[in-house]
Amino acid sequence: MDTLPSKNKKALLAVLHSAGWVLFIRLTIPAGRPVDDIFFPLITGIEYALLAAYFYLNTFVFVPRLLSKKKTVLFLGITVAAFVLFCFAVPQLVRYCFLHFASERPFGPEIPARRPHFPPPAGD
């Protein structure tokens, strides 16, 4: 890979990262899962975007600035906090918000809960 020009290295790295994420997502979403939740693709997309953000933040910020400078305890603390935030807290908040808004009644006229009662037609 050292023989490639810098521009080609970046393109190859981008292709490899994209292929890796596609493979990761494909392997972690169960095949044939019935999608009964209309927000499933959106929520799942947000969760994977947060996971990617955590990965790249850790790779390009935390490791070079903390771990390479022998600040191991600070690195572990920030990494664990970021992991909990990105992988548990924020996705739960996103799910809660979507479920809350999905359970809201749509705007419009009130529809009675049951049909009005009409007497049977006369003549029988």
PDB file of N, CA and C in Angstrom:
ATOM      1  N   MET A   1       0.821  -1.188   0.000  1.00  0.00           N
ATOM      2  CA  MET A   1       0.000   0.000   0.000  1.00  0.00           C
ATOM      3  C   MET A   1       0.865   1.252   0.000  1.00  0.00           C
ATOM      4  N   ASP A   2       2.160   1.100   0.312  1.00  0.00           N
ATOM      5  CA  ASP A   2       3.058   2.251   0.304  1.00  0.00           C
ATOM      6  C   ASP A   2       3.369   2.733  -1.102  1.00  0.00           C
ATOM      7  N   THR A   3       3.122   1.894  -2.109  1.00  0.00           N
ATOM      8  CA  THR A   3       3.424   2.304  -3.478  1.00  0.00           C
ATOM      9  C   THR A   3       2.316   3.135  -4.096  1.00  0.00           C
ATOM     10  N   LEU A   4       1.160   3.203  -3.466  1.00  0.00           N
ATOM     11  CA  LEU A   4       0.042   3.989  -3.997  1.00  0.00           C
ATOM     12  C   LEU A   4       0.219   5.462  -3.677  1.00  0.00           C
ATOM     13  N   PRO A   5      -0.196   6.334  -4.596  1.00  0.00           N
ATOM     14  CA  PRO A   5      -0.182   7.779  -4.284  1.00  0.00           C
ATOM     15  C   PRO A   5      -1.150   8.090  -3.143  1.00  0.00           C
ATOM     16  N   SER A   6      -0.948   9.207  -2.496  1.00  0.00           N
ATOM     17  CA  SER A   6      -1.740   9.598  -1.326  1.00  0.00           C
ATOM     18  C   SER A   6      -3.239   9.656  -1.631  1.00  0.00           C
ATOM     19  N   LYS A   7      -3.594  10.181  -2.795  1.00  0.00           N
ATOM     20  CA  LYS A   7      -5.015  10.303  -3.170  1.00  0.00           C
ATOM     21  C   LYS A   7      -5.648   8.917  -3.300  1.00  0.00           C
ATOM     22  N   ASN A   8      -4.913   7.977  -3.896  1.00  0.00           N
ATOM     23  CA  ASN A   8      -5.431   6.615  -4.052  1.00  0.00           C
ATOM     24  C   ASN A   8      -5.528   5.897  -2.711  1.00  0.00           C
ATOM     25  N   LYS A   9      -4.600   6.181  -1.797  1.00  0.00           N
ATOM     26  CA  LYS A   9      -4.657   5.578  -0.467  1.00  0.00           C
ATOM     27  C   LYS A   9      -5.932   6.002   0.250  1.00  0.00           C
ATOM     28  N   LYS A  10      -6.255   7.282   0.150  1.00  0.00           N
ATOM     29  CA  LYS A  10      -7.456   7.793   0.812  1.00  0.00           C
ATOM     30  C   LYS A  10      -8.713   7.181   0.196  1.00  0.00           C
ATOM     31  N   ALA A  11      -8.738   7.055  -1.111  1.00  0.00           N
ATOM     32  CA  ALA A  11      -9.899   6.462  -1.786  1.00  0.00           C
ATOM     33  C   ALA A  11     -10.042   4.996  -1.397  1.00  0.00           C
ATOM     34  N   LEU A  12      -8.919   4.279  -1.373  1.00  0.00           N
ATOM     35  CA  LEU A  12      -8.956   2.868  -0.983  1.00  0.00           C
ATOM     36  C   LEU A  12      -9.397   2.711   0.460  1.00  0.00           C
ATOM     37  N   LEU A  13      -8.899   3.566   1.331  1.00  0.00           N
ATOM     38  CA  LEU A  13      -9.297   3.526   2.737  1.00  0.00           C
ATOM     39  C   LEU A  13     -10.791   3.807   2.892  1.00  0.00           C
ATOM     40  N   ALA A  14     -11.311   4.774   2.139  1.00  0.00           N
ATOM     41  CA  ALA A  14     -12.748   5.078   2.194  1.00  0.00           C
ATOM     42  C   ALA A  14     -13.573   3.897   1.701  1.00  0.00           C
ATOM     43  N   VAL A  15     -13.131   3.247   0.633  1.00  0.00           N
ATOM     44  CA  VAL A  15     -13.844   2.075   0.115  1.00  0.00           C
ATOM     45  C   VAL A  15     -13.810   0.941   1.129  1.00  0.00           C
ATOM     46  N   LEU A  16     -12.656   0.707   1.741  1.00  0.00           N
ATOM     47  CA  LEU A  16     -12.541  -0.360   2.741  1.00  0.00           C
ATOM     48  C   LEU A  16     -13.416  -0.084   3.966  1.00  0.00           C
ATOM     49  N   HIS A  17     -13.432   1.165   4.426  1.00  0.00           N
ATOM     50  CA  HIS A  17     -14.283   1.508   5.569  1.00  0.00           C
ATOM     51  C   HIS A  17     -15.754   1.343   5.210  1.00  0.00           C
ATOM     52  N   SER A  18     -16.148   1.793   4.042  1.00  0.00           N
ATOM     53  CA  SER A  18     -17.551   1.651   3.611  1.00  0.00           C
ATOM     54  C   SER A  18     -17.939   0.179   3.515  1.00  0.00           C
ATOM     55  N   ALA A  19     -17.077  -0.616   2.915  1.00  0.00           N
ATOM     56  CA  ALA A  19     -17.361  -2.053   2.800  1.00  0.00           C
ATOM     57  C   ALA A  19     -17.433  -2.697   4.179  1.00  0.00           C
ATOM     58  N   GLY A  20     -16.560  -2.280   5.074  1.00  0.00           N
ATOM     59  CA  GLY A  20     -16.587  -2.811   6.436  1.00  0.00           C
ATOM     60  C   GLY A  20     -17.881  -2.477   7.160  1.00  0.00           C
ATOM     61  N   TRP A  21     -18.360  -1.244   7.013  1.00  0.00           N
ATOM     62  CA  TRP A  21     -19.613  -0.856   7.668  1.00  0.00           C
ATOM     63  C   TRP A  21     -20.804  -1.593   7.054  1.00  0.00           C
ATOM     64  N   VAL A  22     -20.814  -1.735   5.738  1.00  0.00           N
ATOM     65  CA  VAL A  22     -21.908  -2.472   5.089  1.00  0.00           C
ATOM     66  C   VAL A  22     -21.917  -3.912   5.579  1.00  0.00           C
ATOM     67  N   LEU A  23     -20.754  -4.530   5.648  1.00  0.00           N
ATOM     68  CA  LEU A  23     -20.661  -5.908   6.134  1.00  0.00           C
ATOM     69  C   LEU A  23     -21.097  -6.000   7.597  1.00  0.00           C
ATOM     70  N   PHE A  24     -20.642  -5.065   8.414  1.00  0.00           N
ATOM     71  CA  PHE A  24     -21.021  -5.060   9.831  1.00  0.00           C
ATOM     72  C   PHE A  24     -22.532  -4.929  10.001  1.00  0.00           C
ATOM     73  N   ILE A  25     -23.123  -3.985   9.275  1.00  0.00           N
ATOM     74  CA  ILE A  25     -24.574  -3.778   9.385  1.00  0.00           C
ATOM     75  C   ILE A  25     -25.321  -5.012   8.886  1.00  0.00           C
ATOM     76  N   ARG A  26     -24.869  -5.564   7.788  1.00  0.00           N
ATOM     77  CA  ARG A  26     -25.538  -6.748   7.225  1.00  0.00           C
ATOM     78  C   ARG A  26     -25.463  -7.935   8.177  1.00  0.00           C
ATOM     79  N   LEU A  27     -24.360  -8.081   8.874  1.00  0.00           N
ATOM     80  CA  LEU A  27     -24.197  -9.214   9.789  1.00  0.00           C
ATOM     81  C   LEU A  27     -24.921  -9.014  11.120  1.00  0.00           C
ATOM     82  N   THR A  28     -25.196  -7.777  11.487  1.00  0.00           N
ATOM     83  CA  THR A  28     -25.832  -7.540  12.782  1.00  0.00           C
ATOM     84  C   THR A  28     -27.344  -7.370  12.710  1.00  0.00           C
ATOM     85  N   ILE A  29     -27.901  -7.175  11.536  1.00  0.00           N
ATOM     86  CA  ILE A  29     -29.360  -7.129  11.398  1.00  0.00           C
ATOM     87  C   ILE A  29     -29.816  -8.525  10.999  1.00  0.00           C
ATOM     88  N   PRO A  30     -30.657  -9.163  11.821  1.00  0.00           N
ATOM     89  CA  PRO A  30     -31.085 -10.524  11.504  1.00  0.00           C
ATOM     90  C   PRO A  30     -31.849 -10.583  10.180  1.00  0.00           C
ATOM     91  N   ALA A  31     -31.524 -11.566   9.372  1.00  0.00           N
ATOM     92  CA  ALA A  31     -32.212 -11.746   8.086  1.00  0.00           C
ATOM     93  C   ALA A  31     -33.624 -12.236   8.335  1.00  0.00           C
ATOM     94  N   GLY A  32     -34.553 -11.752   7.557  1.00  0.00           N
ATOM     95  CA  GLY A  32     -35.935 -12.203   7.657  1.00  0.00           C
ATOM     96  C   GLY A  32     -36.667 -11.672   8.872  1.00  0.00           C
ATOM     97  N   ARG A  33     -36.115 -10.679   9.528  1.00  0.00           N
ATOM     98  CA  ARG A  33     -36.782 -10.113  10.703  1.00  0.00           C
ATOM     99  C   ARG A  33     -38.025  -9.373  10.240  1.00  0.00           C
ATOM    100  N   PRO A  34     -39.196  -9.731  10.780  1.00  0.00           N
ATOM    101  CA  PRO A  34     -40.395  -8.977  10.388  1.00  0.00           C
ATOM    102  C   PRO A  34     -40.322  -7.558  10.937  1.00  0.00           C
ATOM    103  N   VAL A  35     -40.505  -6.615  10.059  1.00  0.00           N
ATOM    104  CA  VAL A  35     -40.447  -5.213  10.463  1.00  0.00           C
ATOM    105  C   VAL A  35     -41.871  -4.755  10.735  1.00  0.00           C
ATOM    106  N   ASP A  36     -42.262  -4.815  12.010  1.00  0.00           N
ATOM    107  CA  ASP A  36     -43.603  -4.399  12.378  1.00  0.00           C
ATOM    108  C   ASP A  36     -43.621  -2.961  12.875  1.00  0.00           C
ATOM    109  N   ASP A  37     -42.470  -2.384  13.053  1.00  0.00           N
ATOM    110  CA  ASP A  37     -42.356  -1.015  13.527  1.00  0.00           C
ATOM    111  C   ASP A  37     -42.038  -0.112  12.335  1.00  0.00           C
ATOM    112  N   ILE A  38     -42.888   0.865  12.074  1.00  0.00           N
ATOM    113  CA  ILE A  38     -42.661   1.718  10.905  1.00  0.00           C
ATOM    114  C   ILE A  38     -41.422   2.580  11.063  1.00  0.00           C
ATOM    115  N   PHE A  39     -40.959   2.775  12.303  1.00  0.00           N
ATOM    116  CA  PHE A  39     -39.773   3.582  12.538  1.00  0.00           C
ATOM    117  C   PHE A  39     -38.499   2.747  12.568  1.00  0.00           C
ATOM    118  N   PHE A  40     -38.597   1.427  12.362  1.00  0.00           N
ATOM    119  CA  PHE A  40     -37.424   0.559  12.457  1.00  0.00           C
ATOM    120  C   PHE A  40     -36.259   1.023  11.599  1.00  0.00           C
ATOM    121  N   PRO A  41     -36.458   1.314  10.310  1.00  0.00           N
ATOM    122  CA  PRO A  41     -35.302   1.736   9.505  1.00  0.00           C
ATOM    123  C   PRO A  41     -34.682   3.043   9.983  1.00  0.00           C
ATOM    124  N   LEU A  42     -35.500   3.985  10.403  1.00  0.00           N
ATOM    125  CA  LEU A  42     -34.984   5.273  10.857  1.00  0.00           C
ATOM    126  C   LEU A  42     -34.237   5.127  12.181  1.00  0.00           C
ATOM    127  N   ILE A  43     -34.832   4.434  13.133  1.00  0.00           N
ATOM    128  CA  ILE A  43     -34.188   4.235  14.433  1.00  0.00           C
ATOM    129  C   ILE A  43     -32.899   3.450  14.262  1.00  0.00           C
ATOM    130  N   THR A  44     -32.932   2.392  13.466  1.00  0.00           N
ATOM    131  CA  THR A  44     -31.743   1.581  13.246  1.00  0.00           C
ATOM    132  C   THR A  44     -30.654   2.401  12.557  1.00  0.00           C
ATOM    133  N   GLY A  45     -31.031   3.220  11.592  1.00  0.00           N
ATOM    134  CA  GLY A  45     -30.060   4.080  10.921  1.00  0.00           C
ATOM    135  C   GLY A  45     -29.406   5.054  11.879  1.00  0.00           C
ATOM    136  N   ILE A  46     -30.187   5.635  12.768  1.00  0.00           N
ATOM    137  CA  ILE A  46     -29.633   6.555  13.763  1.00  0.00           C
ATOM    138  C   ILE A  46     -28.685   5.821  14.705  1.00  0.00           C
ATOM    139  N   GLU A  47     -29.082   4.618  15.124  1.00  0.00           N
ATOM    140  CA  GLU A  47     -28.223   3.848  16.020  1.00  0.00           C
ATOM    141  C   GLU A  47     -26.895   3.494  15.356  1.00  0.00           C
ATOM    142  N   TYR A  48     -26.928   3.092  14.089  1.00  0.00           N
ATOM    143  CA  TYR A  48     -25.682   2.773  13.392  1.00  0.00           C
ATOM    144  C   TYR A  48     -24.843   4.025  13.141  1.00  0.00           C
ATOM    145  N   ALA A  49     -25.475   5.142  12.880  1.00  0.00           N
ATOM    146  CA  ALA A  49     -24.731   6.392  12.710  1.00  0.00           C
ATOM    147  C   ALA A  49     -24.035   6.778  14.018  1.00  0.00           C
ATOM    148  N   LEU A  50     -24.714   6.581  15.146  1.00  0.00           N
ATOM    149  CA  LEU A  50     -24.100   6.863  16.434  1.00  0.00           C
ATOM    150  C   LEU A  50     -22.933   5.918  16.713  1.00  0.00           C
ATOM    151  N   LEU A  51     -23.094   4.658  16.351  1.00  0.00           N
ATOM    152  CA  LEU A  51     -22.018   3.694  16.530  1.00  0.00           C
ATOM    153  C   LEU A  51     -20.806   4.064  15.672  1.00  0.00           C
ATOM    154  N   ALA A  52     -21.049   4.484  14.441  1.00  0.00           N
ATOM    155  CA  ALA A  52     -19.952   4.921  13.567  1.00  0.00           C
ATOM    156  C   ALA A  52     -19.290   6.178  14.139  1.00  0.00           C
ATOM    157  N   ALA A  53     -20.098   7.105  14.657  1.00  0.00           N
ATOM    158  CA  ALA A  53     -19.543   8.318  15.253  1.00  0.00           C
ATOM    159  C   ALA A  53     -18.651   7.959  16.445  1.00  0.00           C
ATOM    160  N   TYR A  54     -19.104   7.039  17.265  1.00  0.00           N
ATOM    161  CA  TYR A  54     -18.295   6.583  18.406  1.00  0.00           C
ATOM    162  C   TYR A  54     -16.981   5.961  17.920  1.00  0.00           C
ATOM    163  N   PHE A  55     -17.055   5.112  16.908  1.00  0.00           N
ATOM    164  CA  PHE A  55     -15.869   4.443  16.380  1.00  0.00           C
ATOM    165  C   PHE A  55     -14.849   5.459  15.869  1.00  0.00           C
ATOM    166  N   TYR A  56     -15.301   6.408  15.052  1.00  0.00           N
ATOM    167  CA  TYR A  56     -14.366   7.370  14.474  1.00  0.00           C
ATOM    168  C   TYR A  56     -13.880   8.390  15.496  1.00  0.00           C
ATOM    169  N   LEU A  57     -14.715   8.751  16.443  1.00  0.00           N
ATOM    170  CA  LEU A  57     -14.273   9.636  17.519  1.00  0.00           C
ATOM    171  C   LEU A  57     -13.179   8.953  18.333  1.00  0.00           C
ATOM    172  N   ASN A  58     -13.382   7.688  18.631  1.00  0.00           N
ATOM    173  CA  ASN A  58     -12.381   6.933  19.384  1.00  0.00           C
ATOM    174  C   ASN A  58     -11.098   6.767  18.571  1.00  0.00           C
ATOM    175  N   THR A  59     -11.244   6.434  17.292  1.00  0.00           N
ATOM    176  CA  THR A  59     -10.087   6.171  16.441  1.00  0.00           C
ATOM    177  C   THR A  59      -9.259   7.420  16.170  1.00  0.00           C
ATOM    178  N   PHE A  60      -9.910   8.525  15.853  1.00  0.00           N
ATOM    179  CA  PHE A  60      -9.178   9.710  15.410  1.00  0.00           C
ATOM    180  C   PHE A  60      -8.988  10.788  16.471  1.00  0.00           C
ATOM    181  N   VAL A  61      -9.689  10.680  17.607  1.00  0.00           N
ATOM    182  CA  VAL A  61      -9.537  11.705  18.642  1.00  0.00           C
ATOM    183  C   VAL A  61      -8.974  11.106  19.929  1.00  0.00           C
ATOM    184  N   PHE A  62      -9.685  10.130  20.503  1.00  0.00           N
ATOM    185  CA  PHE A  62      -9.286   9.614  21.813  1.00  0.00           C
ATOM    186  C   PHE A  62      -7.949   8.885  21.781  1.00  0.00           C
ATOM    187  N   VAL A  63      -7.753   8.007  20.814  1.00  0.00           N
ATOM    188  CA  VAL A  63      -6.506   7.234  20.764  1.00  0.00           C
ATOM    189  C   VAL A  63      -5.301   8.143  20.519  1.00  0.00           C
ATOM    190  N   PRO A  64      -5.325   9.008  19.496  1.00  0.00           N
ATOM    191  CA  PRO A  64      -4.125   9.837  19.288  1.00  0.00           C
ATOM    192  C   PRO A  64      -3.851  10.842  20.412  1.00  0.00           C
ATOM    193  N   ARG A  65      -4.898  11.412  20.974  1.00  0.00           N
ATOM    194  CA  ARG A  65      -4.677  12.476  21.960  1.00  0.00           C
ATOM    195  C   ARG A  65      -4.485  11.960  23.378  1.00  0.00           C
ATOM    196  N   LEU A  66      -4.996  10.778  23.681  1.00  0.00           N
ATOM    197  CA  LEU A  66      -4.900  10.296  25.057  1.00  0.00           C
ATOM    198  C   LEU A  66      -4.039   9.041  25.185  1.00  0.00           C
ATOM    199  N   LEU A  67      -4.377   8.039  24.416  1.00  0.00           N
ATOM    200  CA  LEU A  67      -3.675   6.771  24.585  1.00  0.00           C
ATOM    201  C   LEU A  67      -2.225   6.867  24.137  1.00  0.00           C
ATOM    202  N   SER A  68      -1.965   7.585  23.062  1.00  0.00           N
ATOM    203  CA  SER A  68      -0.585   7.704  22.590  1.00  0.00           C
ATOM    204  C   SER A  68       0.264   8.588  23.507  1.00  0.00           C
ATOM    205  N   LYS A  69      -0.383   9.356  24.366  1.00  0.00           N
ATOM    206  CA  LYS A  69       0.351  10.213  25.301  1.00  0.00           C
ATOM    207  C   LYS A  69       0.360   9.627  26.708  1.00  0.00           C
ATOM    208  N   LYS A  70       0.110   8.316  26.791  1.00  0.00           N
ATOM    209  CA  LYS A  70       0.181   7.570  28.062  1.00  0.00           C
ATOM    210  C   LYS A  70      -0.824   8.048  29.108  1.00  0.00           C
ATOM    211  N   LYS A  71      -1.946   8.577  28.677  1.00  0.00           N
ATOM    212  CA  LYS A  71      -3.015   8.974  29.595  1.00  0.00           C
ATOM    213  C   LYS A  71      -4.072   7.867  29.594  1.00  0.00           C
ATOM    214  N   THR A  72      -3.662   6.697  30.016  1.00  0.00           N
ATOM    215  CA  THR A  72      -4.484   5.496  29.911  1.00  0.00           C
ATOM    216  C   THR A  72      -5.751   5.574  30.752  1.00  0.00           C
ATOM    217  N   VAL A  73      -5.651   6.036  31.979  1.00  0.00           N
ATOM    218  CA  VAL A  73      -6.829   6.095  32.860  1.00  0.00           C
ATOM    219  C   VAL A  73      -7.859   7.071  32.300  1.00  0.00           C
ATOM    220  N   LEU A  74      -7.406   8.229  31.849  1.00  0.00           N
ATOM    221  CA  LEU A  74      -8.317   9.206  31.249  1.00  0.00           C
ATOM    222  C   LEU A  74      -8.938   8.642  29.969  1.00  0.00           C
ATOM    223  N   PHE A  75      -8.119   7.970  29.164  1.00  0.00           N
ATOM    224  CA  PHE A  75      -8.614   7.338  27.940  1.00  0.00           C
ATOM    225  C   PHE A  75      -9.702   6.317  28.252  1.00  0.00           C
ATOM    226  N   LEU A  76      -9.457   5.452  29.221  1.00  0.00           N
ATOM    227  CA  LEU A  76     -10.455   4.431  29.579  1.00  0.00           C
ATOM    228  C   LEU A  76     -11.736   5.066  30.104  1.00  0.00           C
ATOM    229  N   GLY A  77     -11.611   6.089  30.940  1.00  0.00           N
ATOM    230  CA  GLY A  77     -12.800   6.765  31.468  1.00  0.00           C
ATOM    231  C   GLY A  77     -13.626   7.424  30.380  1.00  0.00           C
ATOM    232  N   ILE A  78     -12.971   8.154  29.494  1.00  0.00           N
ATOM    233  CA  ILE A  78     -13.684   8.825  28.407  1.00  0.00           C
ATOM    234  C   ILE A  78     -14.260   7.807  27.426  1.00  0.00           C
ATOM    235  N   THR A  79     -13.512   6.752  27.137  1.00  0.00           N
ATOM    236  CA  THR A  79     -13.994   5.731  26.210  1.00  0.00           C
ATOM    237  C   THR A  79     -15.220   5.018  26.762  1.00  0.00           C
ATOM    238  N   VAL A  80     -15.194   4.649  28.039  1.00  0.00           N
ATOM    239  CA  VAL A  80     -16.353   3.984  28.642  1.00  0.00           C
ATOM    240  C   VAL A  80     -17.551   4.930  28.678  1.00  0.00           C
ATOM    241  N   ALA A  81     -17.317   6.194  29.052  1.00  0.00           N
ATOM    242  CA  ALA A  81     -18.415   7.163  29.081  1.00  0.00           C
ATOM    243  C   ALA A  81     -18.996   7.382  27.683  1.00  0.00           C
ATOM    244  N   ALA A  82     -18.133   7.512  26.683  1.00  0.00           N
ATOM    245  CA  ALA A  82     -18.618   7.697  25.311  1.00  0.00           C
ATOM    246  C   ALA A  82     -19.345   6.454  24.821  1.00  0.00           C
ATOM    247  N   PHE A  83     -18.848   5.284  25.171  1.00  0.00           N
ATOM    248  CA  PHE A  83     -19.503   4.038  24.770  1.00  0.00           C
ATOM    249  C   PHE A  83     -20.913   3.966  25.352  1.00  0.00           C
ATOM    250  N   VAL A  84     -21.036   4.251  26.632  1.00  0.00           N
ATOM    251  CA  VAL A  84     -22.360   4.216  27.275  1.00  0.00           C
ATOM    252  C   VAL A  84     -23.274   5.257  26.645  1.00  0.00           C
ATOM    253  N   LEU A  85     -22.748   6.449  26.398  1.00  0.00           N
ATOM    254  CA  LEU A  85     -23.550   7.519  25.803  1.00  0.00           C
ATOM    255  C   LEU A  85     -24.008   7.154  24.399  1.00  0.00           C
ATOM    256  N   PHE A  86     -23.074   6.757  23.534  1.00  0.00           N
ATOM    257  CA  PHE A  86     -23.390   6.497  22.133  1.00  0.00           C
ATOM    258  C   PHE A  86     -24.134   5.182  21.920  1.00  0.00           C
ATOM    259  N   CYS A  87     -23.872   4.182  22.741  1.00  0.00           N
ATOM    260  CA  CYS A  87     -24.446   2.854  22.478  1.00  0.00           C
ATOM    261  C   CYS A  87     -25.680   2.541  23.314  1.00  0.00           C
ATOM    262  N   PHE A  88     -25.888   3.256  24.418  1.00  0.00           N
ATOM    263  CA  PHE A  88     -27.035   2.942  25.262  1.00  0.00           C
ATOM    264  C   PHE A  88     -27.945   4.147  25.498  1.00  0.00           C
ATOM    265  N   ALA A  89     -27.400   5.226  26.013  1.00  0.00           N
ATOM    266  CA  ALA A  89     -28.233   6.357  26.428  1.00  0.00           C
ATOM    267  C   ALA A  89     -28.912   7.048  25.254  1.00  0.00           C
ATOM    268  N   VAL A  90     -28.165   7.435  24.248  1.00  0.00           N
ATOM    269  CA  VAL A  90     -28.747   8.166  23.119  1.00  0.00           C
ATOM    270  C   VAL A  90     -29.722   7.290  22.332  1.00  0.00           C
ATOM    271  N   PRO A  91     -29.390   6.020  22.006  1.00  0.00           N
ATOM    272  CA  PRO A  91     -30.391   5.192  21.312  1.00  0.00           C
ATOM    273  C   PRO A  91     -31.687   5.010  22.110  1.00  0.00           C
ATOM    274  N   GLN A  92     -31.582   4.884  23.434  1.00  0.00           N
ATOM    275  CA  GLN A  92     -32.797   4.764  24.240  1.00  0.00           C
ATOM    276  C   GLN A  92     -33.613   6.049  24.181  1.00  0.00           C
ATOM    277  N   LEU A  93     -32.935   7.183  24.198  1.00  0.00           N
ATOM    278  CA  LEU A  93     -33.624   8.470  24.076  1.00  0.00           C
ATOM    279  C   LEU A  93     -34.299   8.597  22.712  1.00  0.00           C
ATOM    280  N   VAL A  94     -33.616   8.170  21.663  1.00  0.00           N
ATOM    281  CA  VAL A  94     -34.191   8.220  20.313  1.00  0.00           C
ATOM    282  C   VAL A  94     -35.421   7.323  20.239  1.00  0.00           C
ATOM    283  N   ARG A  95     -35.317   6.108  20.755  1.00  0.00           N
ATOM    284  CA  ARG A  95     -36.470   5.198  20.745  1.00  0.00           C
ATOM    285  C   ARG A  95     -37.635   5.780  21.543  1.00  0.00           C
ATOM    286  N   TYR A  96     -37.346   6.351  22.710  1.00  0.00           N
ATOM    287  CA  TYR A  96     -38.395   6.937  23.522  1.00  0.00           C
ATOM    288  C   TYR A  96     -39.094   8.065  22.764  1.00  0.00           C
ATOM    289  N   CYS A  97     -38.308   8.926  22.117  1.00  0.00           N
ATOM    290  CA  CYS A  97     -38.902  10.042  21.377  1.00  0.00           C
ATOM    291  C   CYS A  97     -39.773   9.549  20.234  1.00  0.00           C
ATOM    292  N   PHE A  98     -39.293   8.550  19.481  1.00  0.00           N
ATOM    293  CA  PHE A  98     -40.090   8.041  18.374  1.00  0.00           C
ATOM    294  C   PHE A  98     -41.355   7.355  18.880  1.00  0.00           C
ATOM    295  N   LEU A  99     -41.252   6.589  19.942  1.00  0.00           N
ATOM    296  CA  LEU A  99     -42.443   5.921  20.467  1.00  0.00           C
ATOM    297  C   LEU A  99     -43.423   6.935  21.029  1.00  0.00           C
ATOM    298  N   HIS A 100     -42.912   7.989  21.648  1.00  0.00           N
ATOM    299  CA  HIS A 100     -43.793   9.029  22.193  1.00  0.00           C
ATOM    300  C   HIS A 100     -44.550   9.731  21.070  1.00  0.00           C
ATOM    301  N   PHE A 101     -43.825  10.123  20.019  1.00  0.00           N
ATOM    302  CA  PHE A 101     -44.485  10.827  18.928  1.00  0.00           C
ATOM    303  C   PHE A 101     -45.370   9.896  18.108  1.00  0.00           C
ATOM    304  N   ALA A 102     -45.025   8.633  18.035  1.00  0.00           N
ATOM    305  CA  ALA A 102     -45.849   7.689  17.283  1.00  0.00           C
ATOM    306  C   ALA A 102     -47.152   7.402  18.008  1.00  0.00           C
ATOM    307  N   SER A 103     -47.155   7.534  19.339  1.00  0.00           N
ATOM    308  CA  SER A 103     -48.378   7.250  20.083  1.00  0.00           C
ATOM    309  C   SER A 103     -49.296   8.463  20.188  1.00  0.00           C
ATOM    310  N   GLU A 104     -48.816   9.631  19.777  1.00  0.00           N
ATOM    311  CA  GLU A 104     -49.649  10.840  19.793  1.00  0.00           C
ATOM    312  C   GLU A 104     -50.779  10.691  18.778  1.00  0.00           C
ATOM    313  N   ARG A 105     -51.914  11.259  19.103  1.00  0.00           N
ATOM    314  CA  ARG A 105     -53.031  11.241  18.168  1.00  0.00           C
ATOM    315  C   ARG A 105     -52.758  12.229  17.044  1.00  0.00           C
ATOM    316  N   PRO A 106     -53.103  11.874  15.837  1.00  0.00           N
ATOM    317  CA  PRO A 106     -52.889  12.815  14.735  1.00  0.00           C
ATOM    318  C   PRO A 106     -53.819  14.015  14.855  1.00  0.00           C
ATOM    319  N   PHE A 107     -53.417  15.109  14.252  1.00  0.00           N
ATOM    320  CA  PHE A 107     -54.270  16.292  14.252  1.00  0.00           C
ATOM    321  C   PHE A 107     -55.481  16.030  13.371  1.00  0.00           C
ATOM    322  N   GLY A 108     -56.601  16.547  13.758  1.00  0.00           N
ATOM    323  CA  GLY A 108     -57.801  16.376  12.958  1.00  0.00           C
ATOM    324  C   GLY A 108     -59.020  16.299  13.858  1.00  0.00           C
ATOM    325  N   PRO A 109     -60.175  16.081  13.261  1.00  0.00           N
ATOM    326  CA  PRO A 109     -61.397  16.018  14.070  1.00  0.00           C
ATOM    327  C   PRO A 109     -61.401  14.770  14.943  1.00  0.00           C
ATOM    328  N   GLU A 110     -62.050  14.903  16.073  1.00  0.00           N
ATOM    329  CA  GLU A 110     -62.180  13.759  16.971  1.00  0.00           C
ATOM    330  C   GLU A 110     -63.128  12.732  16.353  1.00  0.00           C
ATOM    331  N   ILE A 111     -62.733  11.515  16.368  1.00  0.00           N
ATOM    332  CA  ILE A 111     -63.556  10.430  15.835  1.00  0.00           C
ATOM    333  C   ILE A 111     -64.108   9.649  17.022  1.00  0.00           C
ATOM    334  N   PRO A 112     -65.421   9.447  17.052  1.00  0.00           N
ATOM    335  CA  PRO A 112     -65.976   8.725  18.193  1.00  0.00           C
ATOM    336  C   PRO A 112     -65.386   7.321  18.279  1.00  0.00           C
ATOM    337  N   ALA A 113     -65.286   6.847  19.511  1.00  0.00           N
ATOM    338  CA  ALA A 113     -64.677   5.538  19.747  1.00  0.00           C
ATOM    339  C   ALA A 113     -65.542   4.410  19.196  1.00  0.00           C
ATOM    340  N   ARG A 114     -66.855   4.595  19.181  1.00  0.00           N
ATOM    341  CA  ARG A 114     -67.722   3.555  18.619  1.00  0.00           C
ATOM    342  C   ARG A 114     -68.770   4.184  17.735  1.00  0.00           C
ATOM    343  N   ARG A 115     -69.341   3.362  16.926  1.00  0.00           N
ATOM    344  CA  ARG A 115     -70.344   3.851  15.978  1.00  0.00           C
ATOM    345  C   ARG A 115     -71.646   4.159  16.708  1.00  0.00           C
ATOM    346  N   PRO A 116     -72.382   5.139  16.225  1.00  0.00           N
ATOM    347  CA  PRO A 116     -73.671   5.422  16.863  1.00  0.00           C
ATOM    348  C   PRO A 116     -74.644   4.266  16.637  1.00  0.00           C
ATOM    349  N   HIS A 117     -75.556   4.088  17.569  1.00  0.00           N
ATOM    350  CA  HIS A 117     -76.517   3.011  17.482  1.00  0.00           C
ATOM    351  C   HIS A 117     -77.758   3.482  16.709  1.00  0.00           C
ATOM    352  N   PHE A 118     -78.102   2.746  15.670  1.00  0.00           N
ATOM    353  CA  PHE A 118     -79.313   3.039  14.886  1.00  0.00           C
ATOM    354  C   PHE A 118     -80.283   1.887  15.077  1.00  0.00           C
ATOM    355  N   PRO A 119     -81.573   2.203  15.244  1.00  0.00           N
ATOM    356  CA  PRO A 119     -82.546   1.126  15.398  1.00  0.00           C
ATOM    357  C   PRO A 119     -82.651   0.339  14.092  1.00  0.00           C
ATOM    358  N   PRO A 120     -83.044  -0.931  14.175  1.00  0.00           N
ATOM    359  CA  PRO A 120     -83.207  -1.719  12.960  1.00  0.00           C
ATOM    360  C   PRO A 120     -84.335  -1.158  12.105  1.00  0.00           C
ATOM    361  N   PRO A 121     -84.284  -1.346  10.802  1.00  0.00           N
ATOM    362  CA  PRO A 121     -85.323  -0.823   9.937  1.00  0.00           C
ATOM    363  C   PRO A 121     -86.691  -1.440  10.265  1.00  0.00           C
ATOM    364  N   ALA A 122     -87.739  -0.610  10.194  1.00  0.00           N
ATOM    365  CA  ALA A 122     -89.092  -1.093  10.476  1.00  0.00           C
ATOM    366  C   ALA A 122     -89.623  -1.849   9.267  1.00  0.00           C
ATOM    367  N   GLY A 123     -90.527  -2.730   9.511  1.00  0.00           N
ATOM    368  CA  GLY A 123     -91.153  -3.464   8.424  1.00  0.00           C
ATOM    369  C   GLY A 123     -90.878  -4.952   8.502  1.00  0.00           C
ATOM    370  N   ASP A 124     -90.159  -5.398   9.443  1.00  0.00           N
ATOM    371  CA  ASP A 124     -89.927  -6.845   9.568  1.00  0.00           C
ATOM    372  C   ASP A 124     -90.883  -7.426  10.534  1.00  0.00           C
TER     373      ASP A 124
END
